[in-house]
N, C-alpha and C. Protein backbone atom coordinates (compact mmCIF):
# COMPACT_ATOMS: atom_id res chain seq x y z
N MET A 1 -71.40 -73.63 3.15
CA MET A 1 -70.84 -72.49 2.74
C MET A 1 -70.03 -72.58 1.58
N SER A 2 -70.40 -71.91 0.51
CA SER A 2 -69.53 -72.12 -0.42
C SER A 2 -68.23 -71.15 -0.26
N SER A 3 -67.26 -71.33 -1.28
CA SER A 3 -66.10 -70.74 -0.88
C SER A 3 -66.09 -69.46 -1.26
N GLY A 4 -67.06 -69.00 -2.30
CA GLY A 4 -67.17 -67.62 -2.68
C GLY A 4 -67.46 -66.72 -1.52
N GLU A 5 -68.43 -67.39 -0.50
CA GLU A 5 -68.63 -66.90 0.73
C GLU A 5 -67.72 -66.52 1.70
N THR A 6 -66.74 -67.20 1.74
CA THR A 6 -65.52 -67.24 2.73
C THR A 6 -64.67 -65.96 2.31
N GLY A 7 -64.78 -65.89 1.15
CA GLY A 7 -63.78 -64.81 0.82
C GLY A 7 -62.39 -65.13 0.49
N VAL A 8 -61.78 -66.49 0.85
CA VAL A 8 -60.69 -66.92 0.91
C VAL A 8 -59.64 -66.98 -0.61
N PRO A 9 -60.83 -67.55 -1.84
CA PRO A 9 -60.50 -67.61 -2.84
C PRO A 9 -60.26 -66.30 -3.60
N GLN A 10 -61.29 -65.50 -3.09
CA GLN A 10 -61.23 -64.35 -3.76
C GLN A 10 -59.78 -63.27 -3.29
N ALA A 11 -59.59 -63.35 -2.02
CA ALA A 11 -58.51 -62.97 -1.47
C ALA A 11 -57.09 -63.49 -2.09
N THR A 12 -57.08 -64.63 -1.99
CA THR A 12 -56.14 -65.47 -2.66
C THR A 12 -55.82 -64.91 -4.01
N ALA A 13 -57.11 -64.78 -4.76
CA ALA A 13 -56.88 -64.18 -6.08
C ALA A 13 -56.44 -62.62 -6.40
N ARG A 14 -56.83 -61.90 -5.55
CA ARG A 14 -56.32 -60.64 -5.20
C ARG A 14 -54.85 -60.66 -4.96
N GLY A 15 -54.50 -61.39 -4.37
CA GLY A 15 -53.05 -61.48 -3.74
C GLY A 15 -52.25 -61.89 -5.28
N VAL A 16 -52.50 -62.73 -5.77
CA VAL A 16 -51.64 -63.08 -7.08
C VAL A 16 -51.74 -62.21 -8.05
N ARG A 17 -52.96 -61.28 -8.18
CA ARG A 17 -52.99 -60.30 -9.07
C ARG A 17 -52.29 -59.39 -8.49
N ARG A 18 -52.18 -58.96 -7.38
CA ARG A 18 -51.28 -57.71 -6.75
C ARG A 18 -49.74 -58.28 -7.10
N ARG A 19 -49.46 -59.30 -6.97
CA ARG A 19 -48.01 -59.87 -7.14
C ARG A 19 -47.68 -60.05 -8.47
N LEU A 20 -48.61 -60.02 -9.50
CA LEU A 20 -48.10 -60.13 -10.94
C LEU A 20 -49.37 -59.29 -12.02
N SER A 21 -48.83 -57.93 -11.62
CA SER A 21 -49.54 -56.68 -12.32
C SER A 21 -49.12 -56.78 -13.82
N PRO A 22 -50.12 -56.35 -14.50
CA PRO A 22 -49.59 -56.22 -16.40
C PRO A 22 -48.30 -55.54 -16.17
N GLU A 23 -47.95 -54.48 -15.46
CA GLU A 23 -46.43 -53.99 -15.71
C GLU A 23 -45.19 -54.79 -15.48
N GLU A 24 -45.56 -55.65 -14.44
CA GLU A 24 -44.70 -56.69 -14.07
C GLU A 24 -44.54 -57.76 -15.09
N ILE A 25 -45.52 -57.99 -15.73
CA ILE A 25 -45.42 -59.35 -16.51
C ILE A 25 -45.05 -58.72 -18.03
N LEU A 26 -45.21 -57.46 -18.49
CA LEU A 26 -44.49 -56.99 -19.51
C LEU A 26 -42.99 -56.66 -19.24
N LEU A 27 -42.81 -56.61 -17.92
CA LEU A 27 -41.24 -56.20 -17.79
C LEU A 27 -40.44 -57.60 -18.02
N ALA A 28 -41.14 -58.62 -17.43
CA ALA A 28 -40.63 -59.88 -17.71
C ALA A 28 -40.50 -60.36 -19.12
N VAL A 29 -41.48 -59.85 -19.90
CA VAL A 29 -41.39 -60.01 -21.41
C VAL A 29 -40.39 -59.39 -21.93
N LEU A 30 -39.83 -58.20 -21.38
CA LEU A 30 -38.98 -57.51 -21.77
C LEU A 30 -37.37 -58.07 -21.51
N VAL A 31 -37.52 -58.68 -20.49
CA VAL A 31 -36.11 -59.38 -20.14
C VAL A 31 -35.86 -60.36 -21.11
N ALA A 32 -37.20 -61.20 -21.23
CA ALA A 32 -37.04 -62.22 -22.41
C ALA A 32 -36.98 -61.64 -23.71
N LEU A 33 -37.11 -60.61 -24.31
CA LEU A 33 -36.88 -60.03 -25.33
C LEU A 33 -35.44 -59.53 -25.51
N SER A 34 -34.93 -58.95 -24.25
CA SER A 34 -33.75 -58.85 -24.16
C SER A 34 -32.70 -59.85 -24.51
N LEU A 35 -32.98 -60.90 -23.77
CA LEU A 35 -32.11 -62.39 -24.03
C LEU A 35 -32.31 -62.78 -25.52
N ALA A 36 -33.34 -62.47 -26.06
CA ALA A 36 -33.46 -62.91 -27.47
C ALA A 36 -32.52 -62.04 -28.19
N GLY A 37 -32.40 -60.78 -27.86
CA GLY A 37 -31.43 -59.87 -28.78
C GLY A 37 -30.29 -60.26 -28.55
N VAL A 38 -29.97 -60.49 -27.38
CA VAL A 38 -28.18 -60.88 -27.14
C VAL A 38 -27.99 -62.50 -27.91
N ALA A 39 -29.20 -63.29 -28.25
CA ALA A 39 -28.88 -64.45 -29.01
C ALA A 39 -28.97 -63.92 -30.58
N VAL A 40 -29.94 -62.81 -30.80
CA VAL A 40 -29.62 -62.19 -32.38
C VAL A 40 -28.02 -61.99 -32.68
N MET A 41 -27.51 -60.96 -31.65
CA MET A 41 -26.19 -60.38 -31.94
C MET A 41 -25.21 -61.57 -31.78
N ASP A 42 -25.63 -62.77 -31.20
CA ASP A 42 -24.64 -63.79 -31.20
C ASP A 42 -24.50 -64.56 -32.54
N PHE A 43 -25.79 -64.83 -32.99
CA PHE A 43 -25.82 -65.32 -34.58
C PHE A 43 -25.45 -64.54 -35.55
N SER A 44 -25.89 -63.18 -35.32
CA SER A 44 -26.02 -62.61 -36.43
C SER A 44 -25.57 -61.10 -36.21
N GLN A 45 -24.47 -60.72 -36.30
CA GLN A 45 -24.24 -59.24 -35.21
C GLN A 45 -24.80 -58.50 -36.45
N ARG A 46 -24.83 -58.46 -37.63
CA ARG A 46 -25.53 -57.49 -38.58
C ARG A 46 -26.96 -57.02 -37.96
N TYR A 47 -27.48 -58.15 -37.50
CA TYR A 47 -29.01 -57.81 -37.49
C TYR A 47 -29.07 -57.32 -35.84
N GLY A 48 -28.24 -57.38 -35.29
CA GLY A 48 -28.28 -57.16 -33.98
C GLY A 48 -28.62 -55.69 -33.53
N LEU A 49 -28.05 -54.75 -34.33
CA LEU A 49 -28.34 -53.35 -34.30
C LEU A 49 -29.84 -53.13 -34.69
N TRP A 50 -30.33 -53.80 -35.60
CA TRP A 50 -31.49 -53.73 -36.19
C TRP A 50 -32.72 -54.14 -34.85
N TYR A 51 -32.28 -55.38 -34.37
CA TYR A 51 -32.86 -55.70 -33.23
C TYR A 51 -33.34 -54.71 -32.30
N TRP A 52 -32.11 -54.02 -31.94
CA TRP A 52 -32.31 -53.22 -30.69
C TRP A 52 -33.16 -51.92 -31.10
N LEU A 53 -32.87 -51.49 -32.25
CA LEU A 53 -33.72 -50.40 -32.83
C LEU A 53 -35.23 -50.96 -32.83
N ALA A 54 -35.45 -52.04 -33.06
CA ALA A 54 -37.12 -52.42 -33.13
C ALA A 54 -37.35 -52.41 -31.44
N MET A 55 -36.60 -52.76 -30.50
CA MET A 55 -36.77 -52.87 -29.29
C MET A 55 -37.26 -51.83 -28.61
N ALA A 56 -36.50 -50.54 -29.14
CA ALA A 56 -36.54 -49.15 -28.62
C ALA A 56 -37.83 -48.83 -28.42
N PRO A 57 -38.95 -49.06 -29.56
CA PRO A 57 -40.34 -48.41 -29.21
C PRO A 57 -41.06 -49.43 -28.51
N VAL A 58 -40.66 -50.80 -28.19
CA VAL A 58 -41.37 -51.73 -27.39
C VAL A 58 -41.06 -51.23 -26.12
N PHE A 59 -39.94 -51.20 -25.78
CA PHE A 59 -39.52 -50.74 -24.26
C PHE A 59 -40.18 -49.45 -23.99
N GLY A 60 -40.20 -48.34 -25.07
CA GLY A 60 -41.12 -47.35 -24.55
C GLY A 60 -42.13 -47.50 -24.42
N GLY A 61 -42.81 -48.23 -25.13
CA GLY A 61 -44.46 -48.56 -25.35
C GLY A 61 -44.69 -48.85 -23.69
N VAL A 62 -43.85 -50.09 -23.32
CA VAL A 62 -44.13 -50.55 -21.93
C VAL A 62 -44.14 -49.58 -20.77
N SER A 63 -42.93 -48.49 -21.03
CA SER A 63 -42.89 -47.60 -20.11
C SER A 63 -43.95 -46.65 -20.20
N ILE A 64 -44.19 -46.20 -21.30
CA ILE A 64 -45.49 -45.40 -21.42
C ILE A 64 -46.77 -45.90 -20.94
N TYR A 65 -46.91 -47.23 -21.10
CA TYR A 65 -48.20 -48.01 -20.69
C TYR A 65 -48.08 -47.70 -19.20
N GLY A 66 -47.16 -48.13 -18.65
CA GLY A 66 -46.83 -48.01 -16.99
C GLY A 66 -47.14 -46.61 -16.36
N GLY A 67 -46.69 -45.61 -17.19
CA GLY A 67 -46.69 -44.16 -16.70
C GLY A 67 -48.26 -43.81 -17.12
N TRP A 68 -48.64 -44.18 -18.03
CA TRP A 68 -50.12 -43.86 -18.39
C TRP A 68 -51.15 -44.33 -17.41
N ALA A 69 -50.89 -45.76 -16.98
CA ALA A 69 -51.76 -46.44 -15.66
C ALA A 69 -51.51 -45.56 -14.50
N ARG A 70 -50.16 -45.72 -13.95
CA ARG A 70 -49.98 -44.69 -12.86
C ARG A 70 -50.69 -43.49 -12.66
N ALA A 71 -50.50 -42.50 -13.94
CA ALA A 71 -51.30 -41.45 -13.91
C ALA A 71 -52.78 -41.37 -13.70
N ARG A 72 -53.29 -42.56 -14.05
CA ARG A 72 -54.81 -42.54 -14.02
C ARG A 72 -54.95 -43.01 -12.42
N ARG A 73 -54.15 -44.00 -11.84
CA ARG A 73 -54.55 -44.14 -10.54
C ARG A 73 -54.06 -43.30 -9.68
N HIS A 74 -53.30 -42.16 -9.85
CA HIS A 74 -53.24 -41.19 -9.13
C HIS A 74 -53.56 -39.79 -9.23
N GLY A 75 -54.40 -39.77 -10.70
CA GLY A 75 -54.97 -38.81 -10.88
C GLY A 75 -54.32 -37.58 -11.18
N GLU A 76 -52.71 -37.85 -11.81
CA GLU A 76 -51.87 -37.19 -12.47
C GLU A 76 -52.30 -36.79 -13.97
N SER A 77 -51.62 -35.77 -14.31
CA SER A 77 -51.74 -35.37 -15.74
C SER A 77 -51.20 -36.41 -16.77
N ALA A 78 -52.02 -37.32 -17.62
CA ALA A 78 -51.38 -38.19 -18.33
C ALA A 78 -50.74 -37.38 -19.52
N PRO A 79 -51.62 -36.49 -20.25
CA PRO A 79 -50.64 -35.92 -21.32
C PRO A 79 -49.18 -35.61 -21.03
N ALA A 80 -49.11 -34.82 -19.93
CA ALA A 80 -47.49 -34.38 -19.42
C ALA A 80 -46.85 -35.60 -19.25
N ILE A 81 -47.10 -36.84 -18.79
CA ILE A 81 -46.44 -37.64 -18.61
C ILE A 81 -46.16 -38.36 -19.96
N LEU A 82 -47.22 -38.53 -20.69
CA LEU A 82 -46.94 -38.89 -22.05
C LEU A 82 -45.45 -38.07 -22.96
N ARG A 83 -45.97 -36.84 -22.64
CA ARG A 83 -44.81 -35.91 -23.51
C ARG A 83 -43.64 -36.37 -22.88
N VAL A 84 -43.34 -36.39 -21.45
CA VAL A 84 -42.02 -36.40 -21.26
C VAL A 84 -41.66 -37.87 -21.86
N GLN A 85 -42.32 -38.95 -21.47
CA GLN A 85 -41.84 -40.36 -21.93
C GLN A 85 -41.62 -40.35 -23.28
N LEU A 86 -42.42 -39.70 -24.18
CA LEU A 86 -42.06 -39.71 -25.70
C LEU A 86 -40.61 -39.14 -25.97
N LEU A 87 -40.40 -38.10 -25.28
CA LEU A 87 -39.10 -37.38 -25.45
C LEU A 87 -38.14 -38.43 -25.04
N HIS A 88 -38.16 -39.10 -24.06
CA HIS A 88 -37.08 -40.09 -23.49
C HIS A 88 -36.87 -41.14 -24.44
N TRP A 89 -37.71 -41.66 -25.08
CA TRP A 89 -37.83 -43.03 -25.68
C TRP A 89 -37.33 -42.34 -27.27
N ILE A 90 -38.03 -41.40 -27.61
CA ILE A 90 -37.63 -40.81 -28.87
C ILE A 90 -36.01 -40.64 -29.25
N THR A 91 -35.49 -40.34 -27.93
CA THR A 91 -34.22 -39.94 -27.59
C THR A 91 -33.22 -41.52 -27.99
N LEU A 92 -33.58 -42.50 -27.43
CA LEU A 92 -33.02 -43.53 -27.63
C LEU A 92 -32.91 -44.03 -29.04
N ILE A 93 -34.06 -43.87 -29.73
CA ILE A 93 -34.24 -44.38 -31.06
C ILE A 93 -33.40 -43.42 -31.71
N LEU A 94 -33.23 -42.11 -31.63
CA LEU A 94 -32.21 -41.25 -32.50
C LEU A 94 -30.63 -41.67 -32.27
N ALA A 95 -30.75 -42.06 -31.00
CA ALA A 95 -29.25 -42.49 -30.56
C ALA A 95 -28.60 -44.13 -31.20
N VAL A 96 -29.69 -44.82 -31.40
CA VAL A 96 -29.72 -45.84 -31.97
C VAL A 96 -29.37 -45.87 -33.47
N LEU A 97 -29.99 -44.77 -34.03
CA LEU A 97 -29.94 -44.25 -35.50
C LEU A 97 -28.48 -43.75 -35.82
N LEU A 98 -28.18 -43.22 -34.84
CA LEU A 98 -26.73 -42.50 -34.87
C LEU A 98 -25.70 -43.83 -34.71
N VAL A 99 -25.88 -44.60 -33.97
CA VAL A 99 -24.86 -45.83 -34.10
C VAL A 99 -25.10 -46.48 -35.36
N TYR A 100 -26.00 -46.43 -36.16
CA TYR A 100 -26.23 -47.16 -37.54
C TYR A 100 -25.44 -46.45 -38.38
N VAL A 101 -25.57 -44.93 -38.31
CA VAL A 101 -24.82 -43.98 -39.09
C VAL A 101 -23.13 -44.33 -38.94
N LEU A 102 -22.90 -44.50 -37.71
CA LEU A 102 -21.23 -44.88 -37.52
C LEU A 102 -20.77 -46.34 -37.95
N GLN A 103 -21.89 -47.21 -37.75
CA GLN A 103 -21.59 -48.70 -38.48
C GLN A 103 -21.57 -48.11 -39.92
N GLN A 104 -22.23 -47.50 -40.45
CA GLN A 104 -22.30 -47.35 -42.08
C GLN A 104 -21.08 -46.74 -42.60
N THR A 105 -20.59 -45.87 -41.97
CA THR A 105 -19.43 -45.21 -42.17
C THR A 105 -17.97 -45.91 -41.79
N GLY A 106 -18.35 -46.93 -41.37
CA GLY A 106 -17.02 -47.67 -40.91
C GLY A 106 -16.55 -47.63 -39.60
N ARG A 107 -16.92 -46.57 -38.75
CA ARG A 107 -16.37 -46.35 -37.50
C ARG A 107 -16.77 -47.24 -36.46
N LEU A 108 -17.70 -48.04 -36.51
CA LEU A 108 -17.94 -49.43 -35.98
C LEU A 108 -18.26 -50.52 -36.63
N THR A 109 -18.05 -51.65 -36.09
CA THR A 109 -18.14 -52.82 -36.91
C THR A 109 -19.35 -53.24 -36.31
N ASP A 110 -20.20 -54.51 -37.15
CA ASP A 110 -21.43 -54.94 -36.86
C ASP A 110 -21.65 -55.17 -35.64
N GLU A 111 -20.46 -56.03 -34.94
CA GLU A 111 -20.70 -56.50 -33.68
C GLU A 111 -20.60 -55.56 -32.67
N ASP A 112 -19.67 -54.25 -32.81
CA ASP A 112 -19.64 -53.23 -31.91
C ASP A 112 -21.01 -52.24 -31.94
N ALA A 113 -21.42 -52.28 -33.08
CA ALA A 113 -22.62 -51.26 -33.08
C ALA A 113 -23.84 -52.10 -32.31
N GLY A 114 -24.03 -53.68 -32.26
CA GLY A 114 -25.09 -54.17 -31.64
C GLY A 114 -24.83 -53.86 -30.24
N PHE A 115 -23.65 -54.00 -29.53
CA PHE A 115 -23.20 -53.56 -28.29
C PHE A 115 -23.43 -52.01 -27.68
N VAL A 116 -23.18 -51.50 -28.70
CA VAL A 116 -23.26 -49.93 -28.28
C VAL A 116 -24.74 -49.62 -28.30
N ALA A 117 -25.64 -50.22 -29.36
CA ALA A 117 -27.14 -50.09 -29.27
C ALA A 117 -27.72 -50.78 -27.73
N LEU A 118 -27.03 -51.96 -27.38
CA LEU A 118 -27.63 -52.48 -26.41
C LEU A 118 -27.17 -51.42 -25.09
N LEU A 119 -26.20 -51.03 -25.28
CA LEU A 119 -25.61 -50.03 -24.13
C LEU A 119 -26.51 -48.93 -23.83
N ALA A 120 -26.72 -48.51 -25.15
CA ALA A 120 -27.83 -47.08 -25.05
C ALA A 120 -29.24 -47.49 -24.62
N LEU A 121 -29.91 -48.70 -24.96
CA LEU A 121 -30.92 -49.19 -24.35
C LEU A 121 -30.96 -49.64 -22.94
N ALA A 122 -29.56 -50.17 -22.29
CA ALA A 122 -29.68 -50.18 -21.12
C ALA A 122 -29.43 -49.07 -20.22
N LEU A 123 -28.94 -47.89 -20.87
CA LEU A 123 -28.87 -46.74 -20.10
C LEU A 123 -30.38 -46.01 -19.94
N THR A 124 -30.68 -46.03 -21.18
CA THR A 124 -32.06 -45.32 -21.25
C THR A 124 -33.12 -46.02 -20.20
N THR A 125 -33.22 -47.28 -20.46
CA THR A 125 -33.89 -48.20 -19.63
C THR A 125 -33.96 -47.83 -18.03
N PHE A 126 -32.65 -47.90 -17.33
CA PHE A 126 -32.18 -47.60 -16.30
C PHE A 126 -32.44 -46.08 -15.90
N LEU A 127 -32.61 -45.05 -16.76
CA LEU A 127 -32.99 -43.72 -16.47
C LEU A 127 -34.68 -43.64 -16.46
N ALA A 128 -35.29 -44.61 -17.16
CA ALA A 128 -36.58 -44.36 -17.31
C ALA A 128 -36.94 -44.97 -15.86
N GLY A 129 -36.20 -45.97 -15.21
CA GLY A 129 -36.52 -46.32 -13.54
C GLY A 129 -36.42 -45.12 -12.97
N VAL A 130 -35.24 -44.26 -12.86
CA VAL A 130 -34.91 -43.20 -12.08
C VAL A 130 -36.18 -42.34 -12.28
N HIS A 131 -36.60 -41.92 -13.65
CA HIS A 131 -37.59 -40.94 -13.57
C HIS A 131 -39.18 -41.50 -13.47
N PHE A 132 -39.22 -42.61 -14.00
CA PHE A 132 -40.64 -43.23 -14.12
C PHE A 132 -41.03 -44.08 -13.40
N ASP A 133 -40.40 -45.11 -13.18
CA ASP A 133 -40.91 -46.47 -12.57
C ASP A 133 -39.43 -47.26 -12.14
N TRP A 134 -39.35 -47.43 -10.99
CA TRP A 134 -38.04 -48.14 -10.42
C TRP A 134 -37.81 -49.21 -10.89
N ARG A 135 -39.01 -50.07 -11.54
CA ARG A 135 -38.53 -51.43 -12.05
C ARG A 135 -37.83 -51.41 -13.35
N PHE A 136 -37.91 -50.25 -13.91
CA PHE A 136 -37.04 -50.20 -15.09
C PHE A 136 -35.84 -49.95 -14.74
N CYS A 137 -35.31 -49.59 -13.28
CA CYS A 137 -33.97 -49.58 -12.95
C CYS A 137 -33.43 -50.95 -12.93
N VAL A 138 -34.49 -51.93 -12.40
CA VAL A 138 -33.92 -53.35 -12.29
C VAL A 138 -33.62 -53.92 -13.82
N LEU A 139 -34.59 -53.43 -14.75
CA LEU A 139 -34.38 -54.04 -16.08
C LEU A 139 -33.11 -53.29 -16.61
N GLY A 140 -32.69 -51.98 -16.65
CA GLY A 140 -31.55 -51.71 -16.77
C GLY A 140 -30.30 -51.98 -16.69
N VAL A 141 -30.29 -52.49 -15.22
CA VAL A 141 -29.06 -53.18 -14.54
C VAL A 141 -29.04 -54.54 -15.12
N VAL A 142 -30.12 -55.71 -15.25
CA VAL A 142 -30.18 -56.83 -16.05
C VAL A 142 -29.31 -56.48 -17.44
N LEU A 143 -30.06 -55.42 -18.38
CA LEU A 143 -29.70 -55.33 -19.73
C LEU A 143 -28.15 -55.10 -19.44
N GLY A 144 -27.67 -54.34 -18.60
CA GLY A 144 -26.13 -53.80 -18.48
C GLY A 144 -25.40 -55.16 -18.23
N ILE A 145 -25.98 -56.14 -17.31
CA ILE A 145 -25.11 -57.41 -17.04
C ILE A 145 -25.13 -58.20 -18.07
N THR A 146 -26.09 -58.29 -18.76
CA THR A 146 -26.30 -59.02 -20.25
C THR A 146 -25.17 -58.60 -21.26
N LEU A 147 -25.21 -57.29 -21.18
CA LEU A 147 -24.04 -56.68 -21.93
C LEU A 147 -22.65 -56.96 -21.67
N ALA A 148 -22.25 -56.87 -20.40
CA ALA A 148 -21.09 -57.40 -19.92
C ALA A 148 -20.85 -58.67 -19.99
N GLY A 149 -21.91 -59.56 -19.72
CA GLY A 149 -21.89 -61.06 -19.88
C GLY A 149 -21.27 -61.42 -21.35
N ALA A 150 -22.56 -60.68 -22.17
CA ALA A 150 -22.14 -61.03 -23.78
C ALA A 150 -20.84 -60.67 -24.28
N ALA A 151 -20.51 -59.48 -23.86
CA ALA A 151 -18.93 -59.10 -24.26
C ALA A 151 -17.95 -59.80 -23.69
N LEU A 152 -17.90 -60.12 -22.24
CA LEU A 152 -16.73 -60.88 -21.65
C LEU A 152 -16.46 -62.25 -21.72
N VAL A 153 -18.01 -63.09 -22.03
CA VAL A 153 -17.78 -64.23 -22.07
C VAL A 153 -18.28 -64.72 -23.15
N THR A 154 -18.21 -64.40 -24.14
CA THR A 154 -19.07 -64.61 -25.36
C THR A 154 -18.82 -66.00 -25.81
N ASP A 155 -17.89 -66.74 -25.51
CA ASP A 155 -17.84 -68.30 -26.04
C ASP A 155 -18.76 -68.95 -24.81
N PHE A 156 -18.93 -68.55 -23.82
CA PHE A 156 -19.40 -69.26 -22.69
C PHE A 156 -20.92 -68.78 -22.34
N PHE A 157 -21.26 -67.75 -23.39
CA PHE A 157 -22.39 -66.79 -22.45
C PHE A 157 -23.71 -67.69 -22.32
N TRP A 158 -23.83 -68.68 -23.32
CA TRP A 158 -25.15 -69.64 -23.40
C TRP A 158 -24.97 -70.63 -22.64
N ILE A 159 -23.89 -70.82 -22.48
CA ILE A 159 -23.66 -72.10 -21.32
C ILE A 159 -23.98 -71.43 -19.91
N LEU A 160 -23.70 -70.32 -19.49
CA LEU A 160 -23.92 -69.69 -18.22
C LEU A 160 -25.25 -69.26 -18.21
N LEU A 161 -26.04 -68.84 -19.33
CA LEU A 161 -27.14 -68.40 -19.31
C LEU A 161 -28.21 -69.26 -19.06
N VAL A 162 -28.10 -70.58 -19.18
CA VAL A 162 -29.23 -71.90 -19.02
C VAL A 162 -29.11 -72.08 -17.39
N PRO A 163 -28.16 -71.87 -16.85
CA PRO A 163 -28.36 -72.21 -15.23
C PRO A 163 -28.84 -70.80 -14.61
N ALA A 164 -28.71 -69.56 -15.06
CA ALA A 164 -29.19 -68.45 -14.47
C ALA A 164 -30.67 -68.47 -15.01
N LEU A 165 -31.19 -68.85 -16.16
CA LEU A 165 -32.59 -68.78 -16.36
C LEU A 165 -33.49 -69.83 -15.38
N LEU A 166 -32.57 -70.85 -15.48
CA LEU A 166 -33.37 -71.82 -14.42
C LEU A 166 -33.38 -71.37 -13.00
N ALA A 167 -32.30 -70.77 -12.36
CA ALA A 167 -32.51 -70.00 -11.22
C ALA A 167 -33.46 -69.11 -11.22
N GLY A 168 -33.74 -68.05 -12.28
CA GLY A 168 -34.91 -67.31 -12.25
C GLY A 168 -36.18 -67.99 -12.34
N ALA A 169 -36.24 -68.74 -13.00
CA ALA A 169 -37.51 -69.60 -13.02
C ALA A 169 -37.76 -70.30 -11.70
N LEU A 170 -36.74 -70.92 -11.15
CA LEU A 170 -37.32 -71.34 -9.74
C LEU A 170 -37.41 -70.26 -8.67
N PHE A 171 -36.95 -69.27 -8.89
CA PHE A 171 -37.27 -67.87 -7.96
C PHE A 171 -38.65 -67.47 -8.23
N VAL A 172 -39.01 -67.22 -9.26
CA VAL A 172 -40.51 -66.99 -9.74
C VAL A 172 -41.47 -68.15 -9.06
N PHE A 173 -41.18 -69.13 -9.66
CA PHE A 173 -42.14 -70.45 -8.93
C PHE A 173 -42.08 -70.26 -7.52
N TRP A 174 -40.81 -70.12 -6.77
CA TRP A 174 -40.93 -70.42 -5.20
C TRP A 174 -41.91 -68.78 -4.75
N LYS A 175 -41.53 -67.86 -5.45
CA LYS A 175 -42.34 -66.69 -5.17
C LYS A 175 -44.01 -66.70 -5.24
N TRP A 176 -44.30 -67.47 -6.47
CA TRP A 176 -45.67 -67.92 -6.72
C TRP A 176 -46.22 -68.72 -5.71
N ARG A 177 -45.47 -69.66 -5.41
CA ARG A 177 -45.91 -70.87 -4.46
C ARG A 177 -46.05 -69.99 -3.02
N ARG A 178 -45.18 -69.21 -2.61
CA ARG A 178 -45.72 -68.65 -1.33
C ARG A 178 -46.66 -67.57 -1.20
N ALA A 179 -47.25 -67.21 -2.48
CA ALA A 179 -48.26 -66.51 -2.56
C ALA A 179 -49.80 -67.34 -2.53
């Protein structure tokens, strides 16, 4: 009897796929991009604002992809979801552009502008979780904690980040092994 006839490998493969959906993989990528953004802000505060402005459509695209996929699975109106999501994420882009205006007029420093842009992204991401997909709530909280950590422990942030990343990687490995 081959392994294909027992159905065990196929069930295991389906279980792993169920645990690692494309949306979840994309959310993990967004967490990595968020950490990269903190690094950009730490090494070049001038470009921190631009990084977050570039991330707004990326975060929005992942959210829209998830909404579109969910709409297809549940037979919902994809154009309606697309319209609401586009308005949600375009508002973030406009907010970050306003932060840029405040930076250019001298109301915000380069460092402050990057922090405010990250705050806007964290809030918008959290609200996307409230309205569209709960996993974005988690991502919004992670962004908020990242912001607080970067603001409060700037000198020690990267020292603390390494153990946190290792703990996260061990958690993911542990969940993968359990599956």
